[in-house]
Amino acid sequence: MPLTDIQRKVVESKARFRIVIAGRRSGKSYVSIRELIKHASPIEQICWFVSPTYKMSKTIGFEPTKKRLIELNWVKYINETELKIVLKNDSIIEFKGAEKFDNLRGRKVHFLVMDEFAFIDERAWTEVLRPVVSDTLGKVLFCSTPQGFGNWSRDLYVRGLSEDNWDSFRFTTVQGGQVPESEIIQAKEDLDERTFRQEYEASFETFAGAIYYNFDREESVKKIELKEMPIGIGMDFNIEPFCAVCFQLIGEQIHIFDEIILYSSNTDEMVQEIKNRYKYPIVVFPDPAGNQRKTSAGGRTDISILQNAGFKIKVRHAHPAVRDRINAVNSRLKNSQGKRNIFIDPKCKNLITALEKHQYKKGTSVPDKDGYDHITDALGYAVEMLFPIRKEQDYSQPMRWS
């Protein structure tokens, strides 16, 4: 895949610390992998690729890098378990997750990629990874979609605009040249205005800590009449409390008419409560963790209990990214065209309060576990399943390495 003009500027920069803020699917991961391989080409180099989670590092970094190095016939040894590639020149490329960043202490690294660094705790850089590259005077490439003004990614980007030995770059999804215009137009319809600017135009947006910033009590809350049609239920498995959000899908609108909050309860009791309240067909959109979680005797999982009750289940095999789930809800609350597609009956007081008050932890993009998260998660599982932000189709052009 040929480099675009802005990607070429990133690659050609001589700065020790480079910061790339870019829109989704704009080619920043391609640039990261290209640079990772380039810096591993001299003998006995140690190169790291660090992303927010181990799983992300495996999918985004390890797999495409491994494929390319095998094509080049550079590989001496691959450890699939440790996500480690040893090259014939005795250079080593390793892929790490930043969930437990203290475990990354004590090594010497010649080149470091911090992928989606805006979603990594700042301390992972300042306390752990900064010393890792200090002894070798190693180079660092920071890449991420942006987060709001309270996030350290913006501070680092600003630093790169003014300080010696630092360099900053920002480019949109369109400038990345990998996504067709039709997909950009579709994203603009699917996403709310601020999220579209952030995710596709690489804009730093101010969200003032509120997670569901598109919720408006005056516009989103109205009396909902239950119709003679199937009922959808978003469900979060939790003992204190066990939450369910009950809705009907009217065209593309989600009409939420009820909520169920049970304390010190279990899935069997939730099933009974649903059956007591409603006689229409039920479709449940549960927490994907219910495939493993067992809340009853006999080893039954939460999902199997729901299925045995006669409910239809719509669930993903794994959790979607928290950011995608939140963006899906915000885009339904109000999209970039100003259209609202979620309406809530005023009797759903817990959900309304949670949408108004649920916040990010100060200075981060991590939702606070403040008690408001359970019922909003229940809503999020349903909305993300019905109206996902991420597309299943991969629009990236084939890679041509040179």
Foldseek 3Di string as FASTA:
>chain_A
DDFFPQLVCQVPDPFQEEEEAEAPPLCPLVSVLVVQVVVQPAAAAEEEEEEQAQVCQCPSPLPVSVVVCVVVVQFDDADSVQSWTQGPSRYIYGYYHQPPLVVQADAAHQEYEYEQCQQHPPCSCVPGVVVNDVVVSHGYYYYHQAEAPLTCSVVLQVCQVDDGSHHYYYAFSVSSVQDDPVVLVVLQLQFAAVVSCRNGVSDHHDPPFALLSLADCVPFEDADDDDQAEKEWQWEFDQQWTKIWIFDCDPQATETHDMDIHHNDGLLVVLVVVVVVDDHAYEYLYALCQVCDDDDPPRDGSVNSCVVSVHHYDYDNHDDPPVQLSRLSNCQCAGHVRDHRHHYYVVHPLLSVLNVPFGADGSGPHTDPPVSPRHSNSVSSVSCRVRTSDDPDRRGDDDDDD
